[in-house]
Amino acid sequence: MSYRTGTGSSGAARIIAVIADVMAFILIAWIVMYLLDANRGNELVQWFHDAATWLAGWSHDLFTFDEAWARVVAGYGLAAVVYLFVGHAVAGRIRR
């Protein structure tokens, strides 16, 4: 009897999970930088802001809270959770 080891699919699943983790990290890092009032003139801070805005393009203005910090946490946080959930769900399906 021969069993498939699934090495290729396991590697692909790992790559998808890592990409989802990196995307969520970028979004969470931007939320933390925003909450800590990081210097937006700094190139690293600007890079995180631009990347997070691109990643959360579909959700960063989804909520209309009165407080700006709540809009940032809800909009970018939702995108981070969705990327983690979907990325790891897809990775899990590929592993099977």
PDB file of N, CA and C in Angstrom:
ATOM      1  N   MET A   1       0.828  -1.172   0.000  1.00  0.00           N
ATOM      2  CA  MET A   1       0.000   0.000   0.000  1.00  0.00           C
ATOM      3  C   MET A   1       0.879   1.244   0.000  1.00  0.00           C
ATOM      4  N   SER A   2       0.451   2.238  -0.739  1.00  0.00           N
ATOM      5  CA  SER A   2       1.209   3.483  -0.845  1.00  0.00           C
ATOM      6  C   SER A   2       0.365   4.635  -0.306  1.00  0.00           C
ATOM      7  N   TYR A   3       0.968   5.433   0.550  1.00  0.00           N
ATOM      8  CA  TYR A   3       0.277   6.598   1.114  1.00  0.00           C
ATOM      9  C   TYR A   3       0.967   7.858   0.628  1.00  0.00           C
ATOM     10  N   ARG A   4       0.161   8.840   0.301  1.00  0.00           N
ATOM     11  CA  ARG A   4       0.722  10.144  -0.064  1.00  0.00           C
ATOM     12  C   ARG A   4       1.208  10.858   1.182  1.00  0.00           C
ATOM     13  N   THR A   5       2.377  11.410   1.088  1.00  0.00           N
ATOM     14  CA  THR A   5       2.902  12.136   2.251  1.00  0.00           C
ATOM     15  C   THR A   5       2.381  13.563   2.296  1.00  0.00           C
ATOM     16  N   GLY A   6       1.975  14.095   1.161  1.00  0.00           N
ATOM     17  CA  GLY A   6       1.409  15.438   1.154  1.00  0.00           C
ATOM     18  C   GLY A   6       2.425  16.525   1.394  1.00  0.00           C
ATOM     19  N   THR A   7       3.685  16.268   1.081  1.00  0.00           N
ATOM     20  CA  THR A   7       4.732  17.253   1.339  1.00  0.00           C
ATOM     21  C   THR A   7       4.490  18.549   0.577  1.00  0.00           C
ATOM     22  N   GLY A   8       4.107  18.435  -0.681  1.00  0.00           N
ATOM     23  CA  GLY A   8       3.865  19.632  -1.481  1.00  0.00           C
ATOM     24  C   GLY A   8       2.716  20.452  -0.954  1.00  0.00           C
ATOM     25  N   SER A   9       1.622  19.799  -0.627  1.00  0.00           N
ATOM     26  CA  SER A   9       0.461  20.529  -0.131  1.00  0.00           C
ATOM     27  C   SER A   9       0.729  21.103   1.256  1.00  0.00           C
ATOM     28  N   SER A  10       1.532  20.393   2.049  1.00  0.00           N
ATOM     29  CA  SER A  10       1.871  20.908   3.372  1.00  0.00           C
ATOM     30  C   SER A  10       2.731  22.163   3.251  1.00  0.00           C
ATOM     31  N   GLY A  11       3.631  22.175   2.293  1.00  0.00           N
ATOM     32  CA  GLY A  11       4.466  23.363   2.067  1.00  0.00           C
ATOM     33  C   GLY A  11       3.640  24.535   1.586  1.00  0.00           C
ATOM     34  N   ALA A  12       2.699  24.273   0.670  1.00  0.00           N
ATOM     35  CA  ALA A  12       1.825  25.332   0.166  1.00  0.00           C
ATOM     36  C   ALA A  12       0.953  25.885   1.292  1.00  0.00           C
ATOM     37  N   ALA A  13       0.451  24.993   2.128  1.00  0.00           N
ATOM     38  CA  ALA A  13      -0.379  25.426   3.256  1.00  0.00           C
ATOM     39  C   ALA A  13       0.422  26.298   4.212  1.00  0.00           C
ATOM     40  N   ARG A  14       1.656  25.919   4.447  1.00  0.00           N
ATOM     41  CA  ARG A  14       2.515  26.698   5.346  1.00  0.00           C
ATOM     42  C   ARG A  14       2.761  28.092   4.767  1.00  0.00           C
ATOM     43  N   ILE A  15       3.000  28.169   3.463  1.00  0.00           N
ATOM     44  CA  ILE A  15       3.242  29.463   2.806  1.00  0.00           C
ATOM     45  C   ILE A  15       2.007  30.360   2.916  1.00  0.00           C
ATOM     46  N   ILE A  16       0.832  29.792   2.683  1.00  0.00           N
ATOM     47  CA  ILE A  16      -0.410  30.566   2.776  1.00  0.00           C
ATOM     48  C   ILE A  16      -0.620  31.075   4.199  1.00  0.00           C
ATOM     49  N   ALA A  17      -0.370  30.213   5.189  1.00  0.00           N
ATOM     50  CA  ALA A  17      -0.535  30.623   6.583  1.00  0.00           C
ATOM     51  C   ALA A  17       0.449  31.728   6.949  1.00  0.00           C
ATOM     52  N   VAL A  18       1.685  31.621   6.484  1.00  0.00           N
ATOM     53  CA  VAL A  18       2.691  32.649   6.783  1.00  0.00           C
ATOM     54  C   VAL A  18       2.316  33.976   6.130  1.00  0.00           C
ATOM     55  N   ILE A  19       1.835  33.934   4.889  1.00  0.00           N
ATOM     56  CA  ILE A  19       1.414  35.166   4.209  1.00  0.00           C
ATOM     57  C   ILE A  19       0.265  35.829   4.976  1.00  0.00           C
ATOM     58  N   ALA A  20      -0.700  35.030   5.416  1.00  0.00           N
ATOM     59  CA  ALA A  20      -1.819  35.571   6.206  1.00  0.00           C
ATOM     60  C   ALA A  20      -1.306  36.185   7.506  1.00  0.00           C
ATOM     61  N   ASP A  21      -0.346  35.526   8.149  1.00  0.00           N
ATOM     62  CA  ASP A  21       0.219  36.045   9.393  1.00  0.00           C
ATOM     63  C   ASP A  21       0.941  37.375   9.168  1.00  0.00           C
ATOM     64  N   VAL A  22       1.705  37.464   8.075  1.00  0.00           N
ATOM     65  CA  VAL A  22       2.438  38.705   7.770  1.00  0.00           C
ATOM     66  C   VAL A  22       1.454  39.841   7.494  1.00  0.00           C
ATOM     67  N   MET A  23       0.401  39.549   6.736  1.00  0.00           N
ATOM     68  CA  MET A  23      -0.600  40.576   6.447  1.00  0.00           C
ATOM     69  C   MET A  23      -1.253  41.072   7.740  1.00  0.00           C
ATOM     70  N   ALA A  24      -1.612  40.149   8.614  1.00  0.00           N
ATOM     71  CA  ALA A  24      -2.220  40.529   9.892  1.00  0.00           C
ATOM     72  C   ALA A  24      -1.227  41.305  10.750  1.00  0.00           C
ATOM     73  N   PHE A  25       0.039  40.903  10.729  1.00  0.00           N
ATOM     74  CA  PHE A  25       1.062  41.613  11.497  1.00  0.00           C
ATOM     75  C   PHE A  25       1.177  43.068  11.047  1.00  0.00           C
ATOM     76  N   ILE A  26       1.185  43.292   9.735  1.00  0.00           N
ATOM     77  CA  ILE A  26       1.279  44.655   9.203  1.00  0.00           C
ATOM     78  C   ILE A  26       0.099  45.495   9.688  1.00  0.00           C
ATOM     79  N   LEU A  27      -1.094  44.924   9.631  1.00  0.00           N
ATOM     80  CA  LEU A  27      -2.287  45.650  10.062  1.00  0.00           C
ATOM     81  C   LEU A  27      -2.256  45.944  11.560  1.00  0.00           C
ATOM     82  N   ILE A  28      -1.875  44.960  12.342  1.00  0.00           N
ATOM     83  CA  ILE A  28      -1.824  45.148  13.794  1.00  0.00           C
ATOM     84  C   ILE A  28      -0.722  46.133  14.168  1.00  0.00           C
ATOM     85  N   ALA A  29       0.412  46.061  13.469  1.00  0.00           N
ATOM     86  CA  ALA A  29       1.497  47.010  13.730  1.00  0.00           C
ATOM     87  C   ALA A  29       1.030  48.436  13.455  1.00  0.00           C
ATOM     88  N   TRP A  30       0.267  48.633  12.378  1.00  0.00           N
ATOM     89  CA  TRP A  30      -0.237  49.976  12.089  1.00  0.00           C
ATOM     90  C   TRP A  30      -1.207  50.441  13.178  1.00  0.00           C
ATOM     91  N   ILE A  31      -2.071  49.552  13.645  1.00  0.00           N
ATOM     92  CA  ILE A  31      -3.004  49.922  14.720  1.00  0.00           C
ATOM     93  C   ILE A  31      -2.227  50.376  15.949  1.00  0.00           C
ATOM     94  N   VAL A  32      -1.208  49.619  16.329  1.00  0.00           N
ATOM     95  CA  VAL A  32      -0.397  49.971  17.499  1.00  0.00           C
ATOM     96  C   VAL A  32       0.317  51.297  17.273  1.00  0.00           C
ATOM     97  N   MET A  33       0.895  51.479  16.083  1.00  0.00           N
ATOM     98  CA  MET A  33       1.579  52.745  15.789  1.00  0.00           C
ATOM     99  C   MET A  33       0.607  53.916  15.851  1.00  0.00           C
ATOM    100  N   TYR A  34      -0.602  53.727  15.342  1.00  0.00           N
ATOM    101  CA  TYR A  34      -1.610  54.790  15.383  1.00  0.00           C
ATOM    102  C   TYR A  34      -1.979  55.119  16.820  1.00  0.00           C
ATOM    103  N   LEU A  35      -2.237  54.084  17.613  1.00  0.00           N
ATOM    104  CA  LEU A  35      -2.643  54.301  19.002  1.00  0.00           C
ATOM    105  C   LEU A  35      -1.541  54.953  19.836  1.00  0.00           C
ATOM    106  N   LEU A  36      -0.287  54.645  19.496  1.00  0.00           N
ATOM    107  CA  LEU A  36       0.840  55.236  20.219  1.00  0.00           C
ATOM    108  C   LEU A  36       1.291  56.558  19.606  1.00  0.00           C
ATOM    109  N   ASP A  37       0.551  57.035  18.612  1.00  0.00           N
ATOM    110  CA  ASP A  37       0.817  58.309  17.951  1.00  0.00           C
ATOM    111  C   ASP A  37       2.236  58.369  17.386  1.00  0.00           C
ATOM    112  N   ALA A  38       2.579  57.341  16.601  1.00  0.00           N
ATOM    113  CA  ALA A  38       3.901  57.282  15.975  1.00  0.00           C
ATOM    114  C   ALA A  38       4.076  58.442  15.003  1.00  0.00           C
ATOM    115  N   ASN A  39       5.305  58.854  14.810  1.00  0.00           N
ATOM    116  CA  ASN A  39       5.645  59.974  13.936  1.00  0.00           C
ATOM    117  C   ASN A  39       5.360  59.606  12.485  1.00  0.00           C
ATOM    118  N   ARG A  40       4.353  60.203  11.903  1.00  0.00           N
ATOM    119  CA  ARG A  40       3.963  59.871  10.525  1.00  0.00           C
ATOM    120  C   ARG A  40       4.956  60.388   9.502  1.00  0.00           C
ATOM    121  N   GLY A  41       5.882  61.225   9.916  1.00  0.00           N
ATOM    122  CA  GLY A  41       6.935  61.679   9.022  1.00  0.00           C
ATOM    123  C   GLY A  41       8.037  60.643   8.847  1.00  0.00           C
ATOM    124  N   ASN A  42       8.067  59.652   9.739  1.00  0.00           N
ATOM    125  CA  ASN A  42       9.061  58.584   9.666  1.00  0.00           C
ATOM    126  C   ASN A  42       8.731  57.645   8.509  1.00  0.00           C
ATOM    127  N   GLU A  43       9.747  57.263   7.744  1.00  0.00           N
ATOM    128  CA  GLU A  43       9.515  56.430   6.567  1.00  0.00           C
ATOM    129  C   GLU A  43       8.965  55.046   6.919  1.00  0.00           C
ATOM    130  N   LEU A  44       9.441  54.461   8.006  1.00  0.00           N
ATOM    131  CA  LEU A  44       8.944  53.137   8.410  1.00  0.00           C
ATOM    132  C   LEU A  44       7.467  53.214   8.799  1.00  0.00           C
ATOM    133  N   VAL A  45       7.119  54.216   9.552  1.00  0.00           N
ATOM    134  CA  VAL A  45       5.720  54.406   9.951  1.00  0.00           C
ATOM    135  C   VAL A  45       4.858  54.640   8.715  1.00  0.00           C
ATOM    136  N   GLN A  46       5.353  55.445   7.791  1.00  0.00           N
ATOM    137  CA  GLN A  46       4.613  55.710   6.551  1.00  0.00           C
ATOM    138  C   GLN A  46       4.437  54.439   5.734  1.00  0.00           C
ATOM    139  N   TRP A  47       5.480  53.594   5.700  1.00  0.00           N
ATOM    140  CA  TRP A  47       5.379  52.336   4.964  1.00  0.00           C
ATOM    141  C   TRP A  47       4.282  51.451   5.559  1.00  0.00           C
ATOM    142  N   PHE A  48       4.282  51.315   6.892  1.00  0.00           N
ATOM    143  CA  PHE A  48       3.247  50.508   7.546  1.00  0.00           C
ATOM    144  C   PHE A  48       1.862  51.086   7.276  1.00  0.00           C
ATOM    145  N   HIS A  49       1.738  52.410   7.319  1.00  0.00           N
ATOM    146  CA  HIS A  49       0.446  53.041   7.056  1.00  0.00           C
ATOM    147  C   HIS A  49      -0.028  52.757   5.630  1.00  0.00           C
ATOM    148  N   ASP A  50       0.867  52.933   4.668  1.00  0.00           N
ATOM    149  CA  ASP A  50       0.499  52.688   3.268  1.00  0.00           C
ATOM    150  C   ASP A  50       0.138  51.225   3.027  1.00  0.00           C
ATOM    151  N   ALA A  51       0.950  50.319   3.574  1.00  0.00           N
ATOM    152  CA  ALA A  51       0.686  48.891   3.389  1.00  0.00           C
ATOM    153  C   ALA A  51      -0.626  48.495   4.062  1.00  0.00           C
ATOM    154  N   ALA A  52      -0.861  48.974   5.269  1.00  0.00           N
ATOM    155  CA  ALA A  52      -2.093  48.645   5.983  1.00  0.00           C
ATOM    156  C   ALA A  52      -3.313  49.219   5.277  1.00  0.00           C
ATOM    157  N   THR A  53      -3.190  50.428   4.769  1.00  0.00           N
ATOM    158  CA  THR A  53      -4.310  51.033   4.043  1.00  0.00           C
ATOM    159  C   THR A  53      -4.625  50.236   2.785  1.00  0.00           C
ATOM    160  N   TRP A  54      -3.597  49.750   2.102  1.00  0.00           N
ATOM    161  CA  TRP A  54      -3.814  48.937   0.907  1.00  0.00           C
ATOM    162  C   TRP A  54      -4.460  47.596   1.286  1.00  0.00           C
ATOM    163  N   LEU A  55      -3.935  46.954   2.333  1.00  0.00           N
ATOM    164  CA  LEU A  55      -4.477  45.651   2.754  1.00  0.00           C
ATOM    165  C   LEU A  55      -5.912  45.762   3.253  1.00  0.00           C
ATOM    166  N   ALA A  56      -6.234  46.861   3.916  1.00  0.00           N
ATOM    167  CA  ALA A  56      -7.569  47.036   4.490  1.00  0.00           C
ATOM    168  C   ALA A  56      -8.409  47.994   3.658  1.00  0.00           C
ATOM    169  N   GLY A  57      -8.104  48.088   2.386  1.00  0.00           N
ATOM    170  CA  GLY A  57      -8.838  48.993   1.517  1.00  0.00           C
ATOM    171  C   GLY A  57     -10.336  48.759   1.534  1.00  0.00           C
ATOM    172  N   TRP A  58     -10.742  47.539   1.759  1.00  0.00           N
ATOM    173  CA  TRP A  58     -12.157  47.192   1.764  1.00  0.00           C
ATOM    174  C   TRP A  58     -12.804  47.434   3.125  1.00  0.00           C
ATOM    175  N   SER A  59     -12.010  47.641   4.187  1.00  0.00           N
ATOM    176  CA  SER A  59     -12.618  47.729   5.512  1.00  0.00           C
ATOM    177  C   SER A  59     -12.208  48.943   6.338  1.00  0.00           C
ATOM    178  N   HIS A  60     -11.212  49.712   5.908  1.00  0.00           N
ATOM    179  CA  HIS A  60     -10.718  50.751   6.827  1.00  0.00           C
ATOM    180  C   HIS A  60     -11.690  51.915   7.006  1.00  0.00           C
ATOM    181  N   ASP A  61     -12.651  52.117   6.135  1.00  0.00           N
ATOM    182  CA  ASP A  61     -13.676  53.146   6.343  1.00  0.00           C
ATOM    183  C   ASP A  61     -15.067  52.526   6.477  1.00  0.00           C
ATOM    184  N   LEU A  62     -15.102  51.288   6.892  1.00  0.00           N
ATOM    185  CA  LEU A  62     -16.359  50.564   6.988  1.00  0.00           C
ATOM    186  C   LEU A  62     -17.209  51.041   8.166  1.00  0.00           C
ATOM    187  N   PHE A  63     -16.552  51.444   9.241  1.00  0.00           N
ATOM    188  CA  PHE A  63     -17.253  51.850  10.453  1.00  0.00           C
ATOM    189  C   PHE A  63     -17.207  53.368  10.599  1.00  0.00           C
ATOM    190  N   THR A  64     -18.233  53.926  11.214  1.00  0.00           N
ATOM    191  CA  THR A  64     -18.324  55.387  11.353  1.00  0.00           C
ATOM    192  C   THR A  64     -18.419  55.804  12.824  1.00  0.00           C
ATOM    193  N   PHE A  65     -17.543  55.271  13.641  1.00  0.00           N
ATOM    194  CA  PHE A  65     -17.503  55.691  15.034  1.00  0.00           C
ATOM    195  C   PHE A  65     -17.099  57.160  15.113  1.00  0.00           C
ATOM    196  N   ASP A  66     -17.514  57.831  16.171  1.00  0.00           N
ATOM    197  CA  ASP A  66     -17.139  59.233  16.353  1.00  0.00           C
ATOM    198  C   ASP A  66     -15.645  59.396  16.614  1.00  0.00           C
ATOM    199  N   GLU A  67     -15.075  58.481  17.352  1.00  0.00           N
ATOM    200  CA  GLU A  67     -13.655  58.552  17.701  1.00  0.00           C
ATOM    201  C   GLU A  67     -12.811  57.933  16.589  1.00  0.00           C
ATOM    202  N   ALA A  68     -11.769  58.656  16.174  1.00  0.00           N
ATOM    203  CA  ALA A  68     -10.896  58.175  15.093  1.00  0.00           C
ATOM    204  C   ALA A  68     -10.192  56.880  15.473  1.00  0.00           C
ATOM    205  N   TRP A  69      -9.759  56.763  16.747  1.00  0.00           N
ATOM    206  CA  TRP A  69      -9.045  55.561  17.153  1.00  0.00           C
ATOM    207  C   TRP A  69      -9.946  54.334  17.047  1.00  0.00           C
ATOM    208  N   ALA A  70     -11.234  54.490  17.317  1.00  0.00           N
ATOM    209  CA  ALA A  70     -12.163  53.360  17.224  1.00  0.00           C
ATOM    210  C   ALA A  70     -12.352  52.933  15.767  1.00  0.00           C
ATOM    211  N   ARG A  71     -12.384  53.902  14.854  1.00  0.00           N
ATOM    212  CA  ARG A  71     -12.490  53.571  13.422  1.00  0.00           C
ATOM    213  C   ARG A  71     -11.260  52.810  12.954  1.00  0.00           C
ATOM    214  N   VAL A  72     -10.080  53.241  13.406  1.00  0.00           N
ATOM    215  CA  VAL A  72      -8.837  52.566  13.012  1.00  0.00           C
ATOM    216  C   VAL A  72      -8.801  51.145  13.570  1.00  0.00           C
ATOM    217  N   VAL A  73      -9.099  50.993  14.851  1.00  0.00           N
ATOM    218  CA  VAL A  73      -9.055  49.673  15.467  1.00  0.00           C
ATOM    219  C   VAL A  73     -10.083  48.743  14.831  1.00  0.00           C
ATOM    220  N   ALA A  74     -11.298  49.217  14.619  1.00  0.00           N
ATOM    221  CA  ALA A  74     -12.347  48.370  14.049  1.00  0.00           C
ATOM    222  C   ALA A  74     -12.077  48.045  12.578  1.00  0.00           C
ATOM    223  N   GLY A  75     -11.733  49.029  11.794  1.00  0.00           N
ATOM    224  CA  GLY A  75     -11.537  48.813  10.364  1.00  0.00           C
ATOM    225  C   GLY A  75     -10.322  47.966  10.045  1.00  0.00           C
ATOM    226  N   TYR A  76      -9.181  48.354  10.574  1.00  0.00           N
ATOM    227  CA  TYR A  76      -7.957  47.606  10.304  1.00  0.00           C
ATOM    228  C   TYR A  76      -7.948  46.290  11.082  1.00  0.00           C
ATOM    229  N   GLY A  77      -8.524  46.296  12.277  1.00  0.00           N
ATOM    230  CA  GLY A  77      -8.593  45.059  13.069  1.00  0.00           C
ATOM    231  C   GLY A  77      -9.467  44.007  12.408  1.00  0.00           C
ATOM    232  N   LEU A  78     -10.583  44.436  11.824  1.00  0.00           N
ATOM    233  CA  LEU A  78     -11.442  43.498  11.099  1.00  0.00           C
ATOM    234  C   LEU A  78     -10.682  42.848   9.949  1.00  0.00           C
ATOM    235  N   ALA A  79      -9.940  43.644   9.200  1.00  0.00           N
ATOM    236  CA  ALA A  79      -9.155  43.103   8.088  1.00  0.00           C
ATOM    237  C   ALA A  79      -8.134  42.092   8.603  1.00  0.00           C
ATOM    238  N   ALA A  80      -7.458  42.391   9.706  1.00  0.00           N
ATOM    239  CA  ALA A  80      -6.468  41.464  10.265  1.00  0.00           C
ATOM    240  C   ALA A  80      -7.119  40.136  10.659  1.00  0.00           C
ATOM    241  N   VAL A  81      -8.260  40.199  11.309  1.00  0.00           N
ATOM    242  CA  VAL A  81      -8.961  38.981  11.721  1.00  0.00           C
ATOM    243  C   VAL A  81      -9.419  38.171  10.510  1.00  0.00           C
ATOM    244  N   VAL A  82      -9.942  38.852   9.505  1.00  0.00           N
ATOM    245  CA  VAL A  82     -10.401  38.154   8.296  1.00  0.00           C
ATOM    246  C   VAL A  82      -9.231  37.479   7.598  1.00  0.00           C
ATOM    247  N   TYR A  83      -8.108  38.188   7.444  1.00  0.00           N
ATOM    248  CA  TYR A  83      -6.949  37.578   6.795  1.00  0.00           C
ATOM    249  C   TYR A  83      -6.444  36.367   7.572  1.00  0.00           C
ATOM    250  N   LEU A  84      -6.398  36.468   8.897  1.00  0.00           N
ATOM    251  CA  LEU A  84      -5.965  35.324   9.701  1.00  0.00           C
ATOM    252  C   LEU A  84      -6.928  34.158   9.549  1.00  0.00           C
ATOM    253  N   PHE A  85      -8.214  34.432   9.682  1.00  0.00           N
ATOM    254  CA  PHE A  85      -9.219  33.367   9.610  1.00  0.00           C
ATOM    255  C   PHE A  85      -9.228  32.701   8.237  1.00  0.00           C
ATOM    256  N   VAL A  86      -9.312  33.497   7.198  1.00  0.00           N
ATOM    257  CA  VAL A  86      -9.396  32.944   5.838  1.00  0.00           C
ATOM    258  C   VAL A  86      -8.084  32.254   5.465  1.00  0.00           C
ATOM    259  N   GLY A  87      -6.956  32.896   5.751  1.00  0.00           N
ATOM    260  CA  GLY A  87      -5.663  32.305   5.407  1.00  0.00           C
ATOM    261  C   GLY A  87      -5.434  30.975   6.071  1.00  0.00           C
ATOM    262  N   HIS A  88      -5.750  30.877   7.352  1.00  0.00           N
ATOM    263  CA  HIS A  88      -5.541  29.621   8.052  1.00  0.00           C
ATOM    264  C   HIS A  88      -6.601  28.579   7.693  1.00  0.00           C
ATOM    265  N   ALA A  89      -7.796  29.027   7.368  1.00  0.00           N
ATOM    266  CA  ALA A  89      -8.820  28.077   6.895  1.00  0.00           C
ATOM    267  C   ALA A  89      -8.421  27.468   5.555  1.00  0.00           C
ATOM    268  N   VAL A  90      -7.928  28.299   4.660  1.00  0.00           N
ATOM    269  CA  VAL A  90      -7.467  27.788   3.355  1.00  0.00           C
ATOM    270  C   VAL A  90      -6.278  26.865   3.555  1.00  0.00           C
ATOM    271  N   ALA A  91      -5.353  27.243   4.402  1.00  0.00           N
ATOM    272  CA  ALA A  91      -4.188  26.387   4.676  1.00  0.00           C
ATOM    273  C   ALA A  91      -4.616  25.053   5.254  1.00  0.00           C
ATOM    274  N   GLY A  92      -5.597  25.071   6.141  1.00  0.00           N
ATOM    275  CA  GLY A  92      -6.113  23.823   6.709  1.00  0.00           C
ATOM    276  C   GLY A  92      -6.753  22.933   5.675  1.00  0.00           C
ATOM    277  N   ARG A  93      -7.496  23.529   4.753  1.00  0.00           N
ATOM    278  CA  ARG A  93      -8.120  22.754   3.678  1.00  0.00           C
ATOM    279  C   ARG A  93      -7.083  22.133   2.749  1.00  0.00           C
ATOM    280  N   ILE A  94      -6.019  22.868   2.495  1.00  0.00           N
ATOM    281  CA  ILE A  94      -4.970  22.342   1.617  1.00  0.00           C
ATOM    282  C   ILE A  94      -4.239  21.179   2.283  1.00  0.00           C
ATOM    283  N   ARG A  95      -4.053  21.254   3.589  1.00  0.00           N
ATOM    284  CA  ARG A  95      -3.361  20.176   4.324  1.00  0.00           C
ATOM    285  C   ARG A  95      -4.137  18.864   4.284  1.00  0.00           C
ATOM    286  N   ARG A  96      -5.442  18.927   4.160  1.00  0.00           N
ATOM    287  CA  ARG A  96      -6.271  17.713   4.181  1.00  0.00           C
ATOM    288  C   ARG A  96      -6.148  16.941   2.935  1.00  0.00           C
TER     289      ARG A  96
END
